[in-house]
């Protein structure tokens, strides 16, 4: 089972979610208003997201969906 790491820094209103191992050499790009995609710089694979100015009632979370793993169909 995949391990998801969630970091919340209330003093900075910053929410960071990693579904892969965080690395020091990563690429970040803004996807939407204050939603940052974090990618592995070597592979280009997404490894997490960061949400700026996050508050628990934040509506941006509802617009983000994440599918992990492989979808399998029953025979």
PDB file of N, CA and C in Angstrom:
ATOM      1  N   UNK A   1       0.839  -1.175   0.000  1.00  0.00           N
ATOM      2  CA  UNK A   1       0.000   0.000   0.000  1.00  0.00           C
ATOM      3  C   UNK A   1       0.889   1.244   0.000  1.00  0.00           C
ATOM      4  N   UNK A   2       0.492   2.233  -0.768  1.00  0.00           N
ATOM      5  CA  UNK A   2       1.260   3.471  -0.862  1.00  0.00           C
ATOM      6  C   UNK A   2       1.147   4.270   0.435  1.00  0.00           C
ATOM      7  N   UNK A   3       2.225   4.947   0.760  1.00  0.00           N
ATOM      8  CA  UNK A   3       2.235   5.805   1.940  1.00  0.00           C
ATOM      9  C   UNK A   3       2.171   7.246   1.482  1.00  0.00           C
ATOM     10  N   UNK A   4       1.223   7.989   2.010  1.00  0.00           N
ATOM     11  CA  UNK A   4       1.071   9.401   1.677  1.00  0.00           C
ATOM     12  C   UNK A   4       1.498  10.211   2.893  1.00  0.00           C
ATOM     13  N   UNK A   5       2.358  11.198   2.646  1.00  0.00           N
ATOM     14  CA  UNK A   5       2.828  12.071   3.728  1.00  0.00           C
ATOM     15  C   UNK A   5       2.163  13.430   3.564  1.00  0.00           C
ATOM     16  N   UNK A   6       1.542  13.895   4.639  1.00  0.00           N
ATOM     17  CA  UNK A   6       0.852  15.184   4.627  1.00  0.00           C
ATOM     18  C   UNK A   6       1.486  16.068   5.692  1.00  0.00           C
ATOM     19  N   UNK A   7       1.904  17.256   5.268  1.00  0.00           N
ATOM     20  CA  UNK A   7       2.515  18.227   6.177  1.00  0.00           C
ATOM     21  C   UNK A   7       1.665  19.491   6.158  1.00  0.00           C
ATOM     22  N   UNK A   8       1.276  19.957   7.335  1.00  0.00           N
ATOM     23  CA  UNK A   8       0.527  21.198   7.439  1.00  0.00           C
ATOM     24  C   UNK A   8       1.282  22.135   8.364  1.00  0.00           C
ATOM     25  N   UNK A   9       1.565  23.324   7.860  1.00  0.00           N
ATOM     26  CA  UNK A   9       2.255  24.344   8.644  1.00  0.00           C
ATOM     27  C   UNK A   9       1.280  25.498   8.859  1.00  0.00           C
ATOM     28  N   UNK A  10       0.531  25.488   9.984  1.00  0.00           N
ATOM     29  CA  UNK A  10      -0.506  26.498  10.193  1.00  0.00           C
ATOM     30  C   UNK A  10       0.019  27.928  10.271  1.00  0.00           C
ATOM     31  N   UNK A  11       1.234  28.119  10.764  1.00  0.00           N
ATOM     32  CA  UNK A  11       1.788  29.477  10.832  1.00  0.00           C
ATOM     33  C   UNK A  11       1.995  30.067   9.444  1.00  0.00           C
ATOM     34  N   UNK A  12       2.234  29.208   8.465  1.00  0.00           N
ATOM     35  CA  UNK A  12       2.468  29.659   7.089  1.00  0.00           C
ATOM     36  C   UNK A  12       1.275  29.376   6.177  1.00  0.00           C
ATOM     37  N   UNK A  13       0.219  28.732   6.717  1.00  0.00           N
ATOM     38  CA  UNK A  13      -0.934  28.315   5.908  1.00  0.00           C
ATOM     39  C   UNK A  13      -0.480  27.522   4.684  1.00  0.00           C
ATOM     40  N   UNK A  14       0.334  26.510   4.932  1.00  0.00           N
ATOM     41  CA  UNK A  14       0.931  25.721   3.859  1.00  0.00           C
ATOM     42  C   UNK A  14       0.610  24.244   4.061  1.00  0.00           C
ATOM     43  N   UNK A  15       0.019  23.625   3.035  1.00  0.00           N
ATOM     44  CA  UNK A  15      -0.284  22.196   3.063  1.00  0.00           C
ATOM     45  C   UNK A  15       0.532  21.525   1.962  1.00  0.00           C
ATOM     46  N   UNK A  16       1.315  20.518   2.337  1.00  0.00           N
ATOM     47  CA  UNK A  16       2.135  19.787   1.377  1.00  0.00           C
ATOM     48  C   UNK A  16       1.780  18.312   1.469  1.00  0.00           C
ATOM     49  N   UNK A  17       1.545  17.686   0.318  1.00  0.00           N
ATOM     50  CA  UNK A  17       1.181  16.272   0.257  1.00  0.00           C
ATOM     51  C   UNK A  17       2.149  15.572  -0.688  1.00  0.00           C
ATOM     52  N   UNK A  18       2.810  14.537  -0.187  1.00  0.00           N
ATOM     53  CA  UNK A  18       3.714  13.723  -1.006  1.00  0.00           C
ATOM     54  C   UNK A  18       3.166  12.308  -1.092  1.00  0.00           C
ATOM     55  N   UNK A  19       3.091  11.749  -2.296  1.00  0.00           N
ATOM     56  CA  UNK A  19       2.726  10.346  -2.481  1.00  0.00           C
ATOM     57  C   UNK A  19       3.928   9.533  -2.947  1.00  0.00           C
ATOM     58  N   UNK A  20       5.062  10.195  -3.066  1.00  0.00           N
ATOM     59  CA  UNK A  20       6.332   9.536  -3.355  1.00  0.00           C
ATOM     60  C   UNK A  20       7.386  10.194  -2.462  1.00  0.00           C
ATOM     61  N   UNK A  21       8.571   9.626  -2.410  1.00  0.00           N
ATOM     62  CA  UNK A  21       9.616  10.123  -1.520  1.00  0.00           C
ATOM     63  C   UNK A  21      10.030  11.549  -1.888  1.00  0.00           C
ATOM     64  N   UNK A  22       9.957  12.497  -0.940  1.00  0.00           N
ATOM     65  CA  UNK A  22      10.444  13.853  -1.207  1.00  0.00           C
ATOM     66  C   UNK A  22      11.948  13.827  -1.477  1.00  0.00           C
ATOM     67  N   UNK A  23      12.396  14.630  -2.425  1.00  0.00           N
ATOM     68  CA  UNK A  23      13.818  14.709  -2.760  1.00  0.00           C
ATOM     69  C   UNK A  23      14.247  16.167  -2.751  1.00  0.00           C
ATOM     70  N   UNK A  24      15.552  16.390  -2.634  1.00  0.00           N
ATOM     71  CA  UNK A  24      16.045  17.770  -2.599  1.00  0.00           C
ATOM     72  C   UNK A  24      16.068  18.398  -3.990  1.00  0.00           C
ATOM     73  N   UNK A  25      16.221  17.590  -5.023  1.00  0.00           N
ATOM     74  CA  UNK A  25      16.297  18.089  -6.397  1.00  0.00           C
ATOM     75  C   UNK A  25      14.949  17.858  -7.076  1.00  0.00           C
ATOM     76  N   UNK A  26      14.038  18.818  -6.909  1.00  0.00           N
ATOM     77  CA  UNK A  26      12.701  18.675  -7.469  1.00  0.00           C
ATOM     78  C   UNK A  26      12.323  19.915  -8.266  1.00  0.00           C
ATOM     79  N   UNK A  27      11.328  19.756  -9.117  1.00  0.00           N
ATOM     80  CA  UNK A  27      10.830  20.844  -9.952  1.00  0.00           C
ATOM     81  C   UNK A  27       9.418  21.174  -9.481  1.00  0.00           C
ATOM     82  N   UNK A  28       9.125  22.459  -9.330  1.00  0.00           N
ATOM     83  CA  UNK A  28       7.793  22.881  -8.909  1.00  0.00           C
ATOM     84  C   UNK A  28       7.194  23.790  -9.972  1.00  0.00           C
ATOM     85  N   UNK A  29       5.912  23.584 -10.265  1.00  0.00           N
ATOM     86  CA  UNK A  29       5.226  24.460 -11.206  1.00  0.00           C
ATOM     87  C   UNK A  29       3.801  24.689 -10.718  1.00  0.00           C
ATOM     88  N   UNK A  30       3.327  25.929 -10.883  1.00  0.00           N
ATOM     89  CA  UNK A  30       1.993  26.271 -10.411  1.00  0.00           C
ATOM     90  C   UNK A  30       0.954  25.756 -11.396  1.00  0.00           C
ATOM     91  N   UNK A  31       0.021  24.937 -10.895  1.00  0.00           N
ATOM     92  CA  UNK A  31      -1.039  24.375 -11.729  1.00  0.00           C
ATOM     93  C   UNK A  31      -2.256  25.285 -11.757  1.00  0.00           C
ATOM     94  N   UNK A  32      -2.550  25.878 -10.630  1.00  0.00           N
ATOM     95  CA  UNK A  32      -3.744  26.693 -10.460  1.00  0.00           C
ATOM     96  C   UNK A  32      -3.418  27.725  -9.387  1.00  0.00           C
ATOM     97  N   UNK A  33      -4.380  28.503  -8.998  1.00  0.00           N
ATOM     98  CA  UNK A  33      -4.175  29.551  -8.010  1.00  0.00           C
ATOM     99  C   UNK A  33      -3.633  28.983  -6.702  1.00  0.00           C
ATOM    100  N   UNK A  34      -2.324  29.058  -6.508  1.00  0.00           N
ATOM    101  CA  UNK A  34      -1.700  28.610  -5.276  1.00  0.00           C
ATOM    102  C   UNK A  34      -1.583  27.110  -5.118  1.00  0.00           C
ATOM    103  N   UNK A  35      -1.797  26.341  -6.186  1.00  0.00           N
ATOM    104  CA  UNK A  35      -1.638  24.886  -6.150  1.00  0.00           C
ATOM    105  C   UNK A  35      -0.393  24.546  -6.961  1.00  0.00           C
ATOM    106  N   UNK A  36       0.616  24.011  -6.280  1.00  0.00           N
ATOM    107  CA  UNK A  36       1.922  23.754  -6.879  1.00  0.00           C
ATOM    108  C   UNK A  36       2.116  22.252  -7.078  1.00  0.00           C
ATOM    109  N   UNK A  37       2.480  21.847  -8.289  1.00  0.00           N
ATOM    110  CA  UNK A  37       2.808  20.453  -8.575  1.00  0.00           C
ATOM    111  C   UNK A  37       4.299  20.260  -8.339  1.00  0.00           C
ATOM    112  N   UNK A  38       4.665  19.235  -7.573  1.00  0.00           N
ATOM    113  CA  UNK A  38       6.065  18.937  -7.269  1.00  0.00           C
ATOM    114  C   UNK A  38       6.450  17.685  -8.052  1.00  0.00           C
ATOM    115  N   UNK A  39       7.524  17.779  -8.868  1.00  0.00           N
ATOM    116  CA  UNK A  39       7.951  16.648  -9.695  1.00  0.00           C
ATOM    117  C   UNK A  39       9.404  16.280  -9.416  1.00  0.00           C
ATOM    118  N   UNK A  40       9.717  15.023  -9.609  1.00  0.00           N
ATOM    119  CA  UNK A  40      11.090  14.532  -9.549  1.00  0.00           C
ATOM    120  C   UNK A  40      11.825  15.122 -10.747  1.00  0.00           C
ATOM    121  N   UNK A  41      12.926  15.825 -10.522  1.00  0.00           N
ATOM    122  CA  UNK A  41      13.634  16.497 -11.616  1.00  0.00           C
ATOM    123  C   UNK A  41      14.300  15.518 -12.577  1.00  0.00           C
ATOM    124  N   UNK A  42      14.614  14.321 -12.115  1.00  0.00           N
ATOM    125  CA  UNK A  42      15.281  13.343 -12.982  1.00  0.00           C
ATOM    126  C   UNK A  42      14.297  12.600 -13.880  1.00  0.00           C
ATOM    127  N   UNK A  43      13.134  12.239 -13.329  1.00  0.00           N
ATOM    128  CA  UNK A  43      12.164  11.446 -14.090  1.00  0.00           C
ATOM    129  C   UNK A  43      11.005  12.272 -14.633  1.00  0.00           C
ATOM    130  N   UNK A  44      10.761  13.438 -14.035  1.00  0.00           N
ATOM    131  CA  UNK A  44       9.620  14.258 -14.425  1.00  0.00           C
ATOM    132  C   UNK A  44       8.306  13.773 -13.837  1.00  0.00           C
ATOM    133  N   UNK A  45       8.356  12.714 -13.026  1.00  0.00           N
ATOM    134  CA  UNK A  45       7.144  12.153 -12.424  1.00  0.00           C
ATOM    135  C   UNK A  45       6.658  13.023 -11.268  1.00  0.00           C
ATOM    136  N   UNK A  46       5.342  13.249 -11.181  1.00  0.00           N
ATOM    137  CA  UNK A  46       4.797  13.982 -10.037  1.00  0.00           C
ATOM    138  C   UNK A  46       5.023  13.198  -8.749  1.00  0.00           C
ATOM    139  N   UNK A  47       5.458  13.893  -7.701  1.00  0.00           N
ATOM    140  CA  UNK A  47       5.677  13.242  -6.405  1.00  0.00           C
ATOM    141  C   UNK A  47       4.861  13.901  -5.296  1.00  0.00           C
ATOM    142  N   UNK A  48       4.229  15.044  -5.594  1.00  0.00           N
ATOM    143  CA  UNK A  48       3.439  15.704  -4.565  1.00  0.00           C
ATOM    144  C   UNK A  48       2.815  16.998  -5.050  1.00  0.00           C
ATOM    145  N   UNK A  49       2.044  17.611  -4.155  1.00  0.00           N
ATOM    146  CA  UNK A  49       1.466  18.930  -4.413  1.00  0.00           C
ATOM    147  C   UNK A  49       1.624  19.777  -3.157  1.00  0.00           C
ATOM    148  N   UNK A  50       1.598  21.070  -3.370  1.00  0.00           N
ATOM    149  CA  UNK A  50       1.663  22.015  -2.261  1.00  0.00           C
ATOM    150  C   UNK A  50       0.553  23.033  -2.476  1.00  0.00           C
ATOM    151  N   UNK A  51      -0.153  23.368  -1.415  1.00  0.00           N
ATOM    152  CA  UNK A  51      -1.246  24.324  -1.506  1.00  0.00           C
ATOM    153  C   UNK A  51      -0.904  25.517  -0.627  1.00  0.00           C
ATOM    154  N   UNK A  52      -0.730  26.663  -1.283  1.00  0.00           N
ATOM    155  CA  UNK A  52      -0.371  27.901  -0.594  1.00  0.00           C
ATOM    156  C   UNK A  52      -1.617  28.557  -0.009  1.00  0.00           C
ATOM    157  N   UNK A  53      -1.450  29.310   1.060  1.00  0.00           N
ATOM    158  CA  UNK A  53      -2.549  30.026   1.727  1.00  0.00           C
ATOM    159  C   UNK A  53      -3.686  29.076   2.082  1.00  0.00           C
ATOM    160  N   UNK A  54      -3.349  27.875   2.548  1.00  0.00           N
ATOM    161  CA  UNK A  54      -4.349  26.857   2.867  1.00  0.00           C
ATOM    162  C   UNK A  54      -4.980  27.112   4.228  1.00  0.00           C
ATOM    163  N   UNK A  55      -6.293  26.922   4.283  1.00  0.00           N
ATOM    164  CA  UNK A  55      -7.045  26.930   5.541  1.00  0.00           C
ATOM    165  C   UNK A  55      -7.962  25.713   5.498  1.00  0.00           C
ATOM    166  N   UNK A  56      -8.313  25.149   6.648  1.00  0.00           N
ATOM    167  CA  UNK A  56      -9.127  23.927   6.653  1.00  0.00           C
ATOM    168  C   UNK A  56     -10.414  24.010   5.825  1.00  0.00           C
ATOM    169  N   UNK A  57     -10.991  25.187   5.686  1.00  0.00           N
ATOM    170  CA  UNK A  57     -12.227  25.329   4.896  1.00  0.00           C
ATOM    171  C   UNK A  57     -11.954  25.606   3.414  1.00  0.00           C
ATOM    172  N   UNK A  58     -10.723  25.464   2.991  1.00  0.00           N
ATOM    173  CA  UNK A  58     -10.289  25.758   1.621  1.00  0.00           C
ATOM    174  C   UNK A  58     -11.100  24.963   0.596  1.00  0.00           C
ATOM    175  N   UNK A  59     -11.635  25.639  -0.407  1.00  0.00           N
ATOM    176  CA  UNK A  59     -12.453  25.007  -1.448  1.00  0.00           C
ATOM    177  C   UNK A  59     -11.605  24.383  -2.562  1.00  0.00           C
ATOM    178  N   UNK A  60     -10.319  24.730  -2.649  1.00  0.00           N
ATOM    179  CA  UNK A  60      -9.477  24.201  -3.729  1.00  0.00           C
ATOM    180  C   UNK A  60      -9.270  22.698  -3.617  1.00  0.00           C
ATOM    181  N   UNK A  61      -9.356  22.145  -2.426  1.00  0.00           N
ATOM    182  CA  UNK A  61      -9.155  20.707  -2.244  1.00  0.00           C
ATOM    183  C   UNK A  61     -10.213  19.912  -2.996  1.00  0.00           C
ATOM    184  N   UNK A  62     -11.433  20.402  -3.042  1.00  0.00           N
ATOM    185  CA  UNK A  62     -12.515  19.700  -3.729  1.00  0.00           C
ATOM    186  C   UNK A  62     -12.261  19.525  -5.215  1.00  0.00           C
ATOM    187  N   UNK A  63     -11.455  20.391  -5.812  1.00  0.00           N
ATOM    188  CA  UNK A  63     -11.175  20.309  -7.234  1.00  0.00           C
ATOM    189  C   UNK A  63      -9.986  19.451  -7.587  1.00  0.00           C
ATOM    190  N   UNK A  64      -9.341  18.858  -6.604  1.00  0.00           N
ATOM    191  CA  UNK A  64      -8.158  18.047  -6.856  1.00  0.00           C
ATOM    192  C   UNK A  64      -8.511  16.588  -6.644  1.00  0.00           C
ATOM    193  N   UNK A  65      -8.276  15.776  -7.666  1.00  0.00           N
ATOM    194  CA  UNK A  65      -8.476  14.341  -7.487  1.00  0.00           C
ATOM    195  C   UNK A  65      -7.174  13.651  -7.835  1.00  0.00           C
ATOM    196  N   UNK A  66      -6.900  12.580  -7.138  1.00  0.00           N
ATOM    197  CA  UNK A  66      -5.646  11.866  -7.317  1.00  0.00           C
ATOM    198  C   UNK A  66      -5.943  10.386  -7.397  1.00  0.00           C
ATOM    199  N   UNK A  67      -5.523   9.754  -8.481  1.00  0.00           N
ATOM    200  CA  UNK A  67      -5.677   8.320  -8.646  1.00  0.00           C
ATOM    201  C   UNK A  67      -4.301   7.708  -8.535  1.00  0.00           C
ATOM    202  N   UNK A  68      -4.154   6.773  -7.610  1.00  0.00           N
ATOM    203  CA  UNK A  68      -2.855   6.140  -7.408  1.00  0.00           C
ATOM    204  C   UNK A  68      -2.967   4.659  -7.713  1.00  0.00           C
ATOM    205  N   UNK A  69      -1.908   4.109  -8.250  1.00  0.00           N
ATOM    206  CA  UNK A  69      -1.881   2.680  -8.533  1.00  0.00           C
ATOM    207  C   UNK A  69      -2.424   2.382  -9.915  1.00  0.00           C
ATOM    208  N   UNK A  70      -2.568   1.120 -10.194  1.00  0.00           N
ATOM    209  CA  UNK A  70      -3.060   0.677 -11.493  1.00  0.00           C
ATOM    210  C   UNK A  70      -4.499   0.221 -11.367  1.00  0.00           C
ATOM    211  N   UNK A  71      -5.286   0.612 -12.336  1.00  0.00           N
ATOM    212  CA  UNK A  71      -6.674   0.175 -12.359  1.00  0.00           C
ATOM    213  C   UNK A  71      -6.712  -1.203 -13.004  1.00  0.00           C
ATOM    214  N   UNK A  72      -7.364  -2.136 -12.364  1.00  0.00           N
ATOM    215  CA  UNK A  72      -7.473  -3.476 -12.936  1.00  0.00           C
ATOM    216  C   UNK A  72      -8.935  -3.802 -13.163  1.00  0.00           C
ATOM    217  N   UNK A  73      -9.199  -4.523 -14.225  1.00  0.00           N
ATOM    218  CA  UNK A  73     -10.564  -4.919 -14.549  1.00  0.00           C
ATOM    219  C   UNK A  73     -10.722  -6.401 -14.266  1.00  0.00           C
ATOM    220  N   UNK A  74     -11.863  -6.750 -13.717  1.00  0.00           N
ATOM    221  CA  UNK A  74     -12.136  -8.164 -13.448  1.00  0.00           C
ATOM    222  C   UNK A  74     -12.384  -8.885 -14.765  1.00  0.00           C
ATOM    223  N   UNK A  75     -11.936 -10.119 -14.844  1.00  0.00           N
ATOM    224  CA  UNK A  75     -12.106 -10.908 -16.076  1.00  0.00           C
ATOM    225  C   UNK A  75     -13.515 -11.424 -16.190  1.00  0.00           C
TER     226      UNK A  75
END
